[in-house]
Amino acid sequence: MKLIGSFTSPYVRKVRVVMADKKLDVSFVQENVWVPETTIQQVNPLGKIPCLVMEDGSTLYDSRVIAEYLDTISPVCKLLPPNGRERTEVKVWEALADGVLDAAILVFLERRERSPEQQSARWIERQMGKVHAGLREMSVRLGDASYCMGTHYTLADVAVGCALGWLAFRFPDIDWRGDYPNLARLADKLAERPSFRDTVPVVA
């Protein structure tokens, strides 16, 4: 298998963390989907990363789909409960973390792709409202627990850790560490894991 992505995408990082945690040997192909010569639509018609190319040439896309699939092919470090309410809760955490990222990335792109006079302050404010509301909800849900689901590491922590890491990377002005010390503690705990340490976002 090979994973197509970039070193800065938080969604790609989520998949890379899962692969590392589960000791899966998957080659990585770097792709910049923003340049005219990108070939990403040959494997993903939506033109997005990450995209996982299987041994038979078929493809999986969307980080949530890929992460869930990868958890089924190796018994090492199970990240999703088999079924029931607990599994749903993990997926809700993942949706919350991805939702924060979705909103923040829209702001990042608005600022990067448009000149200041073309940018919509109202649009940016709306999206940043989602980011801050999502962070508050993460903090409330986490409480004093060691991990998102209580005492054990799951895909919820992978998703939240990647979201917080990307905010620190692209939005250093958001003081989520100061506002939510429990999220900071979780992020620091996750940063000690080799899977997180080896996938810190960088501009290549």
N, C-alpha and C. Protein backbone atom coordinates (compact mmCIF):
# COMPACT_ATOMS: atom_id res chain seq x y z
N MET A 1 0.84 -1.19 0.00
CA MET A 1 0.00 0.00 0.00
C MET A 1 0.87 1.24 0.00
N LYS A 2 0.30 2.34 -0.50
CA LYS A 2 1.00 3.61 -0.41
C LYS A 2 0.01 4.71 -0.03
N LEU A 3 0.50 5.64 0.77
CA LEU A 3 -0.31 6.76 1.21
C LEU A 3 0.14 8.01 0.47
N ILE A 4 -0.82 8.68 -0.16
CA ILE A 4 -0.52 9.93 -0.86
C ILE A 4 -0.97 11.07 0.04
N GLY A 5 -0.06 12.02 0.28
CA GLY A 5 -0.41 13.12 1.17
C GLY A 5 0.66 14.18 1.24
N SER A 6 0.60 15.00 2.26
CA SER A 6 1.60 16.03 2.49
C SER A 6 2.00 16.03 3.95
N PHE A 7 3.14 16.64 4.25
CA PHE A 7 3.64 16.66 5.62
C PHE A 7 2.95 17.72 6.48
N THR A 8 2.16 18.58 5.86
CA THR A 8 1.49 19.64 6.63
C THR A 8 0.02 19.37 6.88
N SER A 9 -0.58 18.44 6.15
CA SER A 9 -2.01 18.17 6.32
C SER A 9 -2.28 17.45 7.63
N PRO A 10 -3.18 17.98 8.47
CA PRO A 10 -3.52 17.29 9.72
C PRO A 10 -4.29 16.00 9.49
N TYR A 11 -5.03 15.93 8.38
CA TYR A 11 -5.77 14.72 8.06
C TYR A 11 -4.81 13.61 7.64
N VAL A 12 -3.80 13.98 6.88
CA VAL A 12 -2.76 13.01 6.51
C VAL A 12 -2.00 12.57 7.76
N ARG A 13 -1.71 13.53 8.63
CA ARG A 13 -1.00 13.17 9.86
C ARG A 13 -1.79 12.16 10.67
N LYS A 14 -3.10 12.34 10.75
CA LYS A 14 -3.92 11.38 11.49
C LYS A 14 -3.69 9.97 10.98
N VAL A 15 -3.69 9.80 9.67
CA VAL A 15 -3.49 8.48 9.08
C VAL A 15 -2.07 7.99 9.35
N ARG A 16 -1.10 8.88 9.24
CA ARG A 16 0.30 8.49 9.50
C ARG A 16 0.49 8.05 10.96
N VAL A 17 -0.16 8.74 11.88
CA VAL A 17 -0.08 8.34 13.28
C VAL A 17 -0.69 6.95 13.48
N VAL A 18 -1.84 6.72 12.87
CA VAL A 18 -2.47 5.40 12.97
C VAL A 18 -1.55 4.32 12.40
N MET A 19 -0.95 4.58 11.26
CA MET A 19 -0.04 3.60 10.65
C MET A 19 1.14 3.31 11.57
N ALA A 20 1.70 4.36 12.17
CA ALA A 20 2.84 4.17 13.06
C ALA A 20 2.44 3.41 14.32
N ASP A 21 1.30 3.76 14.91
CA ASP A 21 0.83 3.07 16.10
C ASP A 21 0.59 1.59 15.84
N LYS A 22 0.12 1.29 14.65
CA LYS A 22 -0.24 -0.08 14.32
C LYS A 22 0.89 -0.84 13.62
N LYS A 23 2.06 -0.19 13.52
CA LYS A 23 3.26 -0.82 12.95
C LYS A 23 3.04 -1.30 11.52
N LEU A 24 2.32 -0.51 10.73
CA LEU A 24 2.04 -0.88 9.34
C LEU A 24 3.10 -0.28 8.43
N ASP A 25 3.58 -1.09 7.53
CA ASP A 25 4.61 -0.66 6.58
C ASP A 25 3.94 -0.16 5.30
N VAL A 26 3.76 1.14 5.22
CA VAL A 26 3.10 1.76 4.07
C VAL A 26 4.01 2.85 3.52
N SER A 27 4.26 2.84 2.22
CA SER A 27 5.11 3.88 1.64
C SER A 27 4.35 5.20 1.57
N PHE A 28 5.09 6.29 1.62
CA PHE A 28 4.49 7.63 1.61
C PHE A 28 4.90 8.36 0.35
N VAL A 29 3.91 8.89 -0.36
CA VAL A 29 4.15 9.66 -1.58
C VAL A 29 3.67 11.08 -1.35
N GLN A 30 4.59 12.02 -1.39
CA GLN A 30 4.21 13.41 -1.14
C GLN A 30 3.55 14.01 -2.39
N GLU A 31 2.47 14.74 -2.16
CA GLU A 31 1.72 15.34 -3.26
C GLU A 31 1.22 16.72 -2.85
N ASN A 32 1.47 17.71 -3.68
CA ASN A 32 0.95 19.05 -3.47
C ASN A 32 -0.28 19.23 -4.34
N VAL A 33 -1.45 19.19 -3.72
CA VAL A 33 -2.70 19.24 -4.49
C VAL A 33 -3.03 20.64 -4.97
N TRP A 34 -2.23 21.63 -4.58
CA TRP A 34 -2.52 23.02 -4.92
C TRP A 34 -1.81 23.50 -6.18
N VAL A 35 -0.93 22.69 -6.72
CA VAL A 35 -0.21 23.11 -7.92
C VAL A 35 -0.92 22.57 -9.16
N PRO A 36 -0.82 23.27 -10.29
CA PRO A 36 -1.53 22.83 -11.50
C PRO A 36 -1.15 21.43 -11.96
N GLU A 37 0.08 21.01 -11.71
CA GLU A 37 0.53 19.72 -12.21
C GLU A 37 0.19 18.55 -11.29
N THR A 38 -0.60 18.79 -10.25
CA THR A 38 -0.97 17.69 -9.36
C THR A 38 -1.69 16.59 -10.12
N THR A 39 -1.45 15.35 -9.70
CA THR A 39 -2.10 14.21 -10.33
C THR A 39 -3.07 13.52 -9.37
N ILE A 40 -3.44 14.20 -8.32
CA ILE A 40 -4.25 13.57 -7.27
C ILE A 40 -5.59 13.05 -7.79
N GLN A 41 -6.16 13.71 -8.79
CA GLN A 41 -7.48 13.27 -9.26
C GLN A 41 -7.43 11.95 -10.01
N GLN A 42 -6.24 11.48 -10.32
CA GLN A 42 -6.12 10.15 -10.92
C GLN A 42 -6.46 9.06 -9.91
N VAL A 43 -6.32 9.38 -8.62
CA VAL A 43 -6.61 8.38 -7.58
C VAL A 43 -7.77 8.79 -6.68
N ASN A 44 -8.05 10.09 -6.63
CA ASN A 44 -9.19 10.59 -5.84
C ASN A 44 -9.89 11.66 -6.65
N PRO A 45 -11.08 11.38 -7.16
CA PRO A 45 -11.78 12.35 -8.01
C PRO A 45 -12.09 13.65 -7.28
N LEU A 46 -12.07 13.63 -5.95
CA LEU A 46 -12.34 14.85 -5.18
C LEU A 46 -11.10 15.74 -5.08
N GLY A 47 -9.96 15.21 -5.48
CA GLY A 47 -8.75 16.00 -5.47
C GLY A 47 -8.21 16.28 -4.08
N LYS A 48 -8.48 15.38 -3.13
CA LYS A 48 -8.08 15.61 -1.75
C LYS A 48 -7.10 14.56 -1.26
N ILE A 49 -6.38 14.93 -0.22
CA ILE A 49 -5.53 14.01 0.50
C ILE A 49 -6.03 13.94 1.95
N PRO A 50 -5.77 12.80 2.61
CA PRO A 50 -4.99 11.65 2.20
C PRO A 50 -5.76 10.72 1.27
N CYS A 51 -4.98 9.94 0.53
CA CYS A 51 -5.56 8.90 -0.32
C CYS A 51 -4.68 7.66 -0.16
N LEU A 52 -5.31 6.55 0.13
CA LEU A 52 -4.59 5.29 0.32
C LEU A 52 -4.80 4.43 -0.92
N VAL A 53 -3.70 4.08 -1.57
CA VAL A 53 -3.74 3.21 -2.74
C VAL A 53 -3.46 1.78 -2.29
N MET A 54 -4.40 0.91 -2.54
CA MET A 54 -4.30 -0.48 -2.09
C MET A 54 -3.43 -1.31 -3.02
N GLU A 55 -3.13 -2.53 -2.59
CA GLU A 55 -2.27 -3.41 -3.39
C GLU A 55 -2.86 -3.70 -4.76
N ASP A 56 -4.19 -3.74 -4.86
CA ASP A 56 -4.82 -4.04 -6.14
C ASP A 56 -5.09 -2.79 -6.98
N GLY A 57 -4.63 -1.63 -6.50
CA GLY A 57 -4.81 -0.39 -7.26
C GLY A 57 -6.05 0.39 -6.88
N SER A 58 -6.95 -0.22 -6.12
CA SER A 58 -8.13 0.51 -5.66
C SER A 58 -7.72 1.54 -4.61
N THR A 59 -8.58 2.51 -4.35
CA THR A 59 -8.20 3.60 -3.46
C THR A 59 -9.25 3.85 -2.37
N LEU A 60 -8.76 4.32 -1.25
CA LEU A 60 -9.61 4.79 -0.16
C LEU A 60 -9.28 6.25 0.09
N TYR A 61 -10.29 7.07 0.32
CA TYR A 61 -10.02 8.46 0.66
C TYR A 61 -10.97 8.94 1.75
N ASP A 62 -10.55 10.02 2.38
CA ASP A 62 -11.09 10.59 3.60
C ASP A 62 -10.38 9.92 4.78
N SER A 63 -9.78 10.76 5.61
CA SER A 63 -8.98 10.23 6.72
C SER A 63 -9.78 9.33 7.64
N ARG A 64 -11.05 9.63 7.84
CA ARG A 64 -11.87 8.82 8.74
C ARG A 64 -12.06 7.41 8.17
N VAL A 65 -12.28 7.33 6.88
CA VAL A 65 -12.45 6.03 6.23
C VAL A 65 -11.16 5.23 6.29
N ILE A 66 -10.05 5.89 5.97
CA ILE A 66 -8.76 5.20 5.95
C ILE A 66 -8.38 4.72 7.34
N ALA A 67 -8.52 5.60 8.34
CA ALA A 67 -8.15 5.22 9.71
C ALA A 67 -8.97 4.03 10.20
N GLU A 68 -10.25 4.04 9.90
CA GLU A 68 -11.11 2.94 10.33
C GLU A 68 -10.70 1.65 9.65
N TYR A 69 -10.39 1.72 8.37
CA TYR A 69 -9.96 0.53 7.64
C TYR A 69 -8.65 -0.02 8.22
N LEU A 70 -7.68 0.86 8.43
CA LEU A 70 -6.38 0.42 8.93
C LEU A 70 -6.50 -0.26 10.29
N ASP A 71 -7.46 0.19 11.09
CA ASP A 71 -7.63 -0.42 12.41
C ASP A 71 -8.12 -1.85 12.31
N THR A 72 -8.70 -2.21 11.16
CA THR A 72 -9.23 -3.57 11.00
C THR A 72 -8.18 -4.56 10.50
N ILE A 73 -7.06 -4.08 9.96
CA ILE A 73 -6.13 -5.00 9.31
C ILE A 73 -4.95 -5.40 10.18
N SER A 74 -4.89 -4.84 11.38
CA SER A 74 -3.82 -5.22 12.31
C SER A 74 -4.36 -5.21 13.73
N PRO A 75 -4.06 -6.26 14.50
CA PRO A 75 -4.53 -6.30 15.89
C PRO A 75 -3.69 -5.42 16.83
N VAL A 76 -2.58 -4.89 16.34
CA VAL A 76 -1.70 -4.06 17.16
C VAL A 76 -2.38 -2.73 17.47
N CYS A 77 -2.36 -2.34 18.74
CA CYS A 77 -2.86 -1.03 19.16
C CYS A 77 -4.25 -0.73 18.60
N LYS A 78 -5.23 -1.51 19.01
CA LYS A 78 -6.59 -1.29 18.54
C LYS A 78 -7.07 0.10 18.97
N LEU A 79 -7.55 0.87 18.00
CA LEU A 79 -7.92 2.26 18.23
C LEU A 79 -9.42 2.50 18.27
N LEU A 80 -10.19 1.53 17.80
CA LEU A 80 -11.65 1.65 17.79
C LEU A 80 -12.27 0.45 18.50
N PRO A 81 -13.19 0.69 19.42
CA PRO A 81 -13.94 -0.42 20.01
C PRO A 81 -14.70 -1.16 18.91
N PRO A 82 -14.99 -2.45 19.11
CA PRO A 82 -15.63 -3.23 18.04
C PRO A 82 -17.01 -2.73 17.63
N ASN A 83 -17.79 -2.25 18.57
CA ASN A 83 -19.14 -1.78 18.25
C ASN A 83 -19.73 -1.08 19.46
N GLY A 84 -20.99 -0.66 19.31
CA GLY A 84 -21.72 -0.11 20.44
C GLY A 84 -21.46 1.36 20.72
N ARG A 85 -21.92 1.79 21.88
CA ARG A 85 -21.88 3.20 22.27
C ARG A 85 -20.45 3.75 22.34
N GLU A 86 -19.52 2.94 22.86
CA GLU A 86 -18.15 3.42 23.01
C GLU A 86 -17.53 3.73 21.64
N ARG A 87 -17.79 2.88 20.67
CA ARG A 87 -17.27 3.14 19.33
C ARG A 87 -17.86 4.43 18.77
N THR A 88 -19.15 4.62 18.97
CA THR A 88 -19.80 5.84 18.50
C THR A 88 -19.20 7.08 19.15
N GLU A 89 -18.89 6.98 20.45
CA GLU A 89 -18.30 8.11 21.15
C GLU A 89 -16.93 8.47 20.57
N VAL A 90 -16.14 7.45 20.24
CA VAL A 90 -14.84 7.71 19.61
C VAL A 90 -15.04 8.45 18.28
N LYS A 91 -16.01 8.02 17.51
CA LYS A 91 -16.27 8.65 16.21
C LYS A 91 -16.79 10.08 16.37
N VAL A 92 -17.54 10.33 17.44
CA VAL A 92 -18.00 11.70 17.71
C VAL A 92 -16.80 12.59 18.04
N TRP A 93 -15.88 12.08 18.85
CA TRP A 93 -14.66 12.83 19.13
C TRP A 93 -13.92 13.15 17.83
N GLU A 94 -13.82 12.15 16.96
CA GLU A 94 -13.11 12.35 15.69
C GLU A 94 -13.82 13.41 14.84
N ALA A 95 -15.16 13.34 14.80
CA ALA A 95 -15.92 14.33 14.04
C ALA A 95 -15.72 15.73 14.62
N LEU A 96 -15.65 15.83 15.94
CA LEU A 96 -15.44 17.13 16.59
C LEU A 96 -14.07 17.69 16.22
N ALA A 97 -13.05 16.87 16.33
CA ALA A 97 -11.70 17.32 16.00
C ALA A 97 -11.58 17.71 14.53
N ASP A 98 -12.15 16.89 13.65
CA ASP A 98 -12.10 17.19 12.22
C ASP A 98 -12.91 18.44 11.90
N GLY A 99 -14.00 18.65 12.63
CA GLY A 99 -14.81 19.85 12.41
C GLY A 99 -14.07 21.12 12.78
N VAL A 100 -13.31 21.07 13.86
CA VAL A 100 -12.46 22.21 14.22
C VAL A 100 -11.45 22.47 13.11
N LEU A 101 -10.85 21.41 12.60
CA LEU A 101 -9.89 21.56 11.51
C LEU A 101 -10.55 22.10 10.25
N ASP A 102 -11.71 21.58 9.91
CA ASP A 102 -12.41 22.05 8.71
C ASP A 102 -12.59 23.57 8.74
N ALA A 103 -13.05 24.07 9.87
CA ALA A 103 -13.29 25.51 9.99
C ALA A 103 -11.99 26.30 9.96
N ALA A 104 -10.98 25.82 10.68
CA ALA A 104 -9.70 26.54 10.73
C ALA A 104 -9.03 26.56 9.37
N ILE A 105 -9.13 25.46 8.63
CA ILE A 105 -8.51 25.41 7.31
C ILE A 105 -9.20 26.37 6.35
N LEU A 106 -10.50 26.52 6.46
CA LEU A 106 -11.19 27.50 5.62
C LEU A 106 -10.68 28.91 5.88
N VAL A 107 -10.41 29.23 7.13
CA VAL A 107 -9.85 30.54 7.46
C VAL A 107 -8.44 30.66 6.91
N PHE A 108 -7.65 29.62 7.08
CA PHE A 108 -6.27 29.63 6.57
C PHE A 108 -6.24 29.87 5.07
N LEU A 109 -7.12 29.18 4.34
CA LEU A 109 -7.17 29.33 2.89
C LEU A 109 -7.70 30.70 2.47
N GLU A 110 -8.69 31.20 3.20
CA GLU A 110 -9.23 32.53 2.91
C GLU A 110 -8.12 33.58 3.00
N ARG A 111 -7.31 33.45 4.02
CA ARG A 111 -6.23 34.42 4.22
C ARG A 111 -5.09 34.22 3.24
N ARG A 112 -4.85 32.97 2.86
CA ARG A 112 -3.73 32.68 1.97
C ARG A 112 -4.06 32.96 0.51
N GLU A 113 -5.28 32.64 0.10
CA GLU A 113 -5.64 32.69 -1.32
C GLU A 113 -6.24 34.02 -1.75
N ARG A 114 -6.70 34.84 -0.81
CA ARG A 114 -7.33 36.10 -1.17
C ARG A 114 -6.51 37.28 -0.63
N SER A 115 -6.51 38.34 -1.39
CA SER A 115 -5.86 39.55 -0.91
C SER A 115 -6.68 40.11 0.25
N PRO A 116 -6.06 40.92 1.12
CA PRO A 116 -6.78 41.43 2.30
C PRO A 116 -8.10 42.10 1.97
N GLU A 117 -8.15 42.85 0.86
CA GLU A 117 -9.39 43.55 0.52
C GLU A 117 -10.49 42.60 0.02
N GLN A 118 -10.11 41.41 -0.40
CA GLN A 118 -11.09 40.43 -0.87
C GLN A 118 -11.59 39.51 0.24
N GLN A 119 -10.89 39.47 1.34
CA GLN A 119 -11.26 38.56 2.42
C GLN A 119 -12.55 39.01 3.10
N SER A 120 -13.34 38.05 3.51
CA SER A 120 -14.60 38.32 4.20
C SER A 120 -14.40 38.20 5.71
N ALA A 121 -14.42 39.33 6.39
CA ALA A 121 -14.27 39.31 7.85
C ALA A 121 -15.41 38.53 8.50
N ARG A 122 -16.60 38.65 7.91
CA ARG A 122 -17.76 37.94 8.47
C ARG A 122 -17.58 36.43 8.34
N TRP A 123 -17.07 35.98 7.20
CA TRP A 123 -16.83 34.56 6.98
C TRP A 123 -15.76 34.04 7.94
N ILE A 124 -14.70 34.79 8.08
CA ILE A 124 -13.62 34.39 8.99
C ILE A 124 -14.13 34.31 10.42
N GLU A 125 -14.91 35.30 10.83
CA GLU A 125 -15.45 35.30 12.19
C GLU A 125 -16.36 34.09 12.43
N ARG A 126 -17.15 33.76 11.44
CA ARG A 126 -18.06 32.62 11.57
C ARG A 126 -17.26 31.32 11.75
N GLN A 127 -16.24 31.14 10.94
CA GLN A 127 -15.45 29.91 11.02
C GLN A 127 -14.65 29.85 12.32
N MET A 128 -14.08 30.99 12.73
CA MET A 128 -13.32 30.99 13.97
C MET A 128 -14.22 30.74 15.17
N GLY A 129 -15.48 31.14 15.07
CA GLY A 129 -16.44 30.82 16.12
C GLY A 129 -16.59 29.32 16.29
N LYS A 130 -16.57 28.59 15.17
CA LYS A 130 -16.66 27.13 15.23
C LYS A 130 -15.41 26.53 15.87
N VAL A 131 -14.26 27.10 15.53
CA VAL A 131 -13.01 26.62 16.10
C VAL A 131 -13.03 26.75 17.63
N HIS A 132 -13.38 27.93 18.10
CA HIS A 132 -13.36 28.17 19.54
C HIS A 132 -14.44 27.36 20.27
N ALA A 133 -15.60 27.22 19.64
CA ALA A 133 -16.66 26.40 20.24
C ALA A 133 -16.23 24.94 20.30
N GLY A 134 -15.55 24.48 19.26
CA GLY A 134 -15.07 23.11 19.25
C GLY A 134 -14.02 22.86 20.31
N LEU A 135 -13.11 23.81 20.50
CA LEU A 135 -12.09 23.67 21.54
C LEU A 135 -12.73 23.62 22.93
N ARG A 136 -13.71 24.48 23.15
CA ARG A 136 -14.42 24.46 24.44
C ARG A 136 -15.07 23.10 24.68
N GLU A 137 -15.71 22.57 23.66
CA GLU A 137 -16.37 21.28 23.80
C GLU A 137 -15.37 20.17 24.06
N MET A 138 -14.23 20.20 23.38
CA MET A 138 -13.19 19.21 23.64
C MET A 138 -12.77 19.25 25.11
N SER A 139 -12.55 20.46 25.62
CA SER A 139 -12.11 20.61 27.00
C SER A 139 -13.16 20.09 27.97
N VAL A 140 -14.42 20.41 27.72
CA VAL A 140 -15.50 19.95 28.59
C VAL A 140 -15.59 18.43 28.57
N ARG A 141 -15.53 17.87 27.38
CA ARG A 141 -15.64 16.41 27.24
C ARG A 141 -14.46 15.70 27.91
N LEU A 142 -13.27 16.28 27.78
CA LEU A 142 -12.08 15.64 28.35
C LEU A 142 -12.10 15.69 29.87
N GLY A 143 -12.46 16.84 30.42
CA GLY A 143 -12.47 16.97 31.88
C GLY A 143 -11.10 16.67 32.47
N ASP A 144 -11.08 15.85 33.51
CA ASP A 144 -9.83 15.49 34.18
C ASP A 144 -9.28 14.15 33.72
N ALA A 145 -9.88 13.59 32.68
CA ALA A 145 -9.47 12.26 32.22
C ALA A 145 -8.08 12.29 31.59
N SER A 146 -7.44 11.15 31.58
CA SER A 146 -6.11 11.03 30.98
C SER A 146 -6.18 11.04 29.46
N TYR A 147 -7.24 10.44 28.92
CA TYR A 147 -7.43 10.38 27.48
C TYR A 147 -8.89 10.72 27.16
N CYS A 148 -9.16 10.93 25.90
CA CYS A 148 -10.51 11.34 25.50
C CYS A 148 -11.58 10.36 25.97
N MET A 149 -11.25 9.07 25.93
CA MET A 149 -12.22 8.05 26.33
C MET A 149 -11.99 7.57 27.76
N GLY A 150 -11.22 8.32 28.53
CA GLY A 150 -11.02 7.95 29.93
C GLY A 150 -9.60 7.55 30.23
N THR A 151 -9.37 6.24 30.27
CA THR A 151 -8.06 5.75 30.69
C THR A 151 -7.25 5.10 29.58
N HIS A 152 -7.83 4.97 28.37
CA HIS A 152 -7.09 4.29 27.31
C HIS A 152 -7.07 5.12 26.03
N TYR A 153 -5.97 4.96 25.31
CA TYR A 153 -5.69 5.67 24.07
C TYR A 153 -6.52 5.10 22.92
N THR A 154 -7.17 5.99 22.16
CA THR A 154 -8.00 5.56 21.04
C THR A 154 -7.82 6.51 19.86
N LEU A 155 -8.57 6.24 18.81
CA LEU A 155 -8.57 7.12 17.64
C LEU A 155 -9.03 8.52 18.00
N ALA A 156 -9.83 8.66 19.05
CA ALA A 156 -10.25 9.99 19.50
C ALA A 156 -9.04 10.84 19.84
N ASP A 157 -8.08 10.26 20.54
CA ASP A 157 -6.87 11.00 20.92
C ASP A 157 -6.02 11.33 19.70
N VAL A 158 -5.97 10.41 18.75
CA VAL A 158 -5.23 10.67 17.51
C VAL A 158 -5.81 11.90 16.81
N ALA A 159 -7.13 11.91 16.67
CA ALA A 159 -7.80 13.01 15.97
C ALA A 159 -7.62 14.34 16.70
N VAL A 160 -7.83 14.32 18.01
CA VAL A 160 -7.70 15.56 18.79
C VAL A 160 -6.25 16.03 18.79
N GLY A 161 -5.31 15.11 18.97
CA GLY A 161 -3.90 15.49 18.97
C GLY A 161 -3.47 16.11 17.67
N CYS A 162 -3.94 15.58 16.55
CA CYS A 162 -3.58 16.13 15.24
C CYS A 162 -4.23 17.50 15.03
N ALA A 163 -5.45 17.68 15.52
CA ALA A 163 -6.11 18.98 15.40
C ALA A 163 -5.37 20.03 16.22
N LEU A 164 -5.03 19.70 17.46
CA LEU A 164 -4.32 20.66 18.30
C LEU A 164 -2.93 20.96 17.73
N GLY A 165 -2.28 19.94 17.21
CA GLY A 165 -0.96 20.15 16.63
C GLY A 165 -1.00 21.07 15.43
N TRP A 166 -2.03 20.93 14.60
CA TRP A 166 -2.13 21.79 13.42
C TRP A 166 -2.46 23.22 13.82
N LEU A 167 -3.31 23.41 14.82
CA LEU A 167 -3.60 24.76 15.30
C LEU A 167 -2.33 25.42 15.83
N ALA A 168 -1.52 24.67 16.56
CA ALA A 168 -0.26 25.22 17.06
C ALA A 168 0.67 25.59 15.90
N PHE A 169 0.61 24.84 14.83
CA PHE A 169 1.45 25.04 13.66
C PHE A 169 1.00 26.24 12.82
N ARG A 170 -0.28 26.35 12.58
CA ARG A 170 -0.79 27.37 11.66
C ARG A 170 -1.46 28.56 12.35
N PHE A 171 -1.91 28.38 13.59
CA PHE A 171 -2.59 29.46 14.31
C PHE A 171 -1.98 29.64 15.70
N PRO A 172 -0.71 30.01 15.76
CA PRO A 172 -0.07 30.15 17.07
C PRO A 172 -0.69 31.24 17.93
N ASP A 173 -1.50 32.12 17.33
CA ASP A 173 -2.16 33.18 18.09
C ASP A 173 -3.35 32.67 18.90
N ILE A 174 -3.83 31.47 18.61
CA ILE A 174 -4.91 30.89 19.40
C ILE A 174 -4.31 30.25 20.65
N ASP A 175 -4.59 30.81 21.80
CA ASP A 175 -3.97 30.35 23.04
C ASP A 175 -4.79 29.23 23.67
N TRP A 176 -4.95 28.12 22.96
CA TRP A 176 -5.73 27.02 23.51
C TRP A 176 -5.02 26.38 24.71
N ARG A 177 -3.70 26.47 24.75
CA ARG A 177 -2.98 25.93 25.90
C ARG A 177 -3.31 26.70 27.17
N GLY A 178 -3.33 28.02 27.06
CA GLY A 178 -3.65 28.84 28.21
C GLY A 178 -5.11 28.74 28.61
N ASP A 179 -5.99 28.67 27.60
CA ASP A 179 -7.43 28.62 27.87
C ASP A 179 -7.88 27.26 28.38
N TYR A 180 -7.22 26.20 27.91
CA TYR A 180 -7.68 24.85 28.24
C TYR A 180 -6.48 24.00 28.67
N PRO A 181 -6.05 24.13 29.91
CA PRO A 181 -4.88 23.39 30.38
C PRO A 181 -5.02 21.87 30.24
N ASN A 182 -6.26 21.37 30.32
CA ASN A 182 -6.42 19.92 30.18
C ASN A 182 -6.12 19.46 28.76
N LEU A 183 -6.44 20.28 27.76
CA LEU A 183 -6.07 19.95 26.38
C LEU A 183 -4.56 20.01 26.21
N ALA A 184 -3.91 20.97 26.87
CA ALA A 184 -2.46 21.08 26.82
C ALA A 184 -1.80 19.84 27.41
N ARG A 185 -2.35 19.36 28.53
CA ARG A 185 -1.79 18.15 29.15
C ARG A 185 -1.93 16.95 28.23
N LEU A 186 -3.08 16.83 27.58
CA LEU A 186 -3.28 15.73 26.65
C LEU A 186 -2.30 15.85 25.48
N ALA A 187 -2.17 17.04 24.93
CA ALA A 187 -1.26 17.24 23.79
C ALA A 187 0.18 16.90 24.18
N ASP A 188 0.59 17.27 25.37
CA ASP A 188 1.95 16.97 25.81
C ASP A 188 2.15 15.47 26.00
N LYS A 189 1.13 14.80 26.52
CA LYS A 189 1.21 13.34 26.69
C LYS A 189 1.34 12.66 25.33
N LEU A 190 0.53 13.10 24.37
CA LEU A 190 0.57 12.51 23.04
C LEU A 190 1.89 12.78 22.34
N ALA A 191 2.47 13.95 22.58
CA ALA A 191 3.73 14.33 21.94
C ALA A 191 4.88 13.42 22.32
N GLU A 192 4.73 12.68 23.42
CA GLU A 192 5.76 11.76 23.85
C GLU A 192 5.73 10.45 23.07
N ARG A 193 4.64 10.19 22.38
CA ARG A 193 4.52 8.95 21.61
C ARG A 193 5.34 9.07 20.32
N PRO A 194 6.09 8.05 19.94
CA PRO A 194 6.86 8.11 18.69
C PRO A 194 6.00 8.44 17.48
N SER A 195 4.77 7.93 17.45
CA SER A 195 3.89 8.18 16.29
C SER A 195 3.59 9.65 16.11
N PHE A 196 3.47 10.39 17.21
CA PHE A 196 3.25 11.83 17.12
C PHE A 196 4.56 12.57 16.93
N ARG A 197 5.58 12.16 17.65
CA ARG A 197 6.88 12.83 17.55
C ARG A 197 7.44 12.79 16.14
N ASP A 198 7.20 11.70 15.43
CA ASP A 198 7.76 11.53 14.10
C ASP A 198 6.90 12.12 12.98
N THR A 199 5.74 12.70 13.33
CA THR A 199 4.85 13.23 12.30
C THR A 199 4.50 14.71 12.54
N VAL A 200 5.33 15.39 13.31
CA VAL A 200 5.08 16.82 13.56
C VAL A 200 5.04 17.55 12.21
N PRO A 201 4.01 18.39 11.96
CA PRO A 201 3.90 19.06 10.66
C PRO A 201 5.07 19.99 10.39
N VAL A 202 5.59 19.89 9.18
CA VAL A 202 6.68 20.76 8.75
C VAL A 202 6.43 21.20 7.32
N VAL A 203 6.97 22.34 6.96
CA VAL A 203 6.91 22.80 5.59
C VAL A 203 8.12 22.23 4.86
N ALA A 204 7.86 21.32 3.96
CA ALA A 204 8.97 20.63 3.25
C ALA A 204 9.48 21.50 2.11
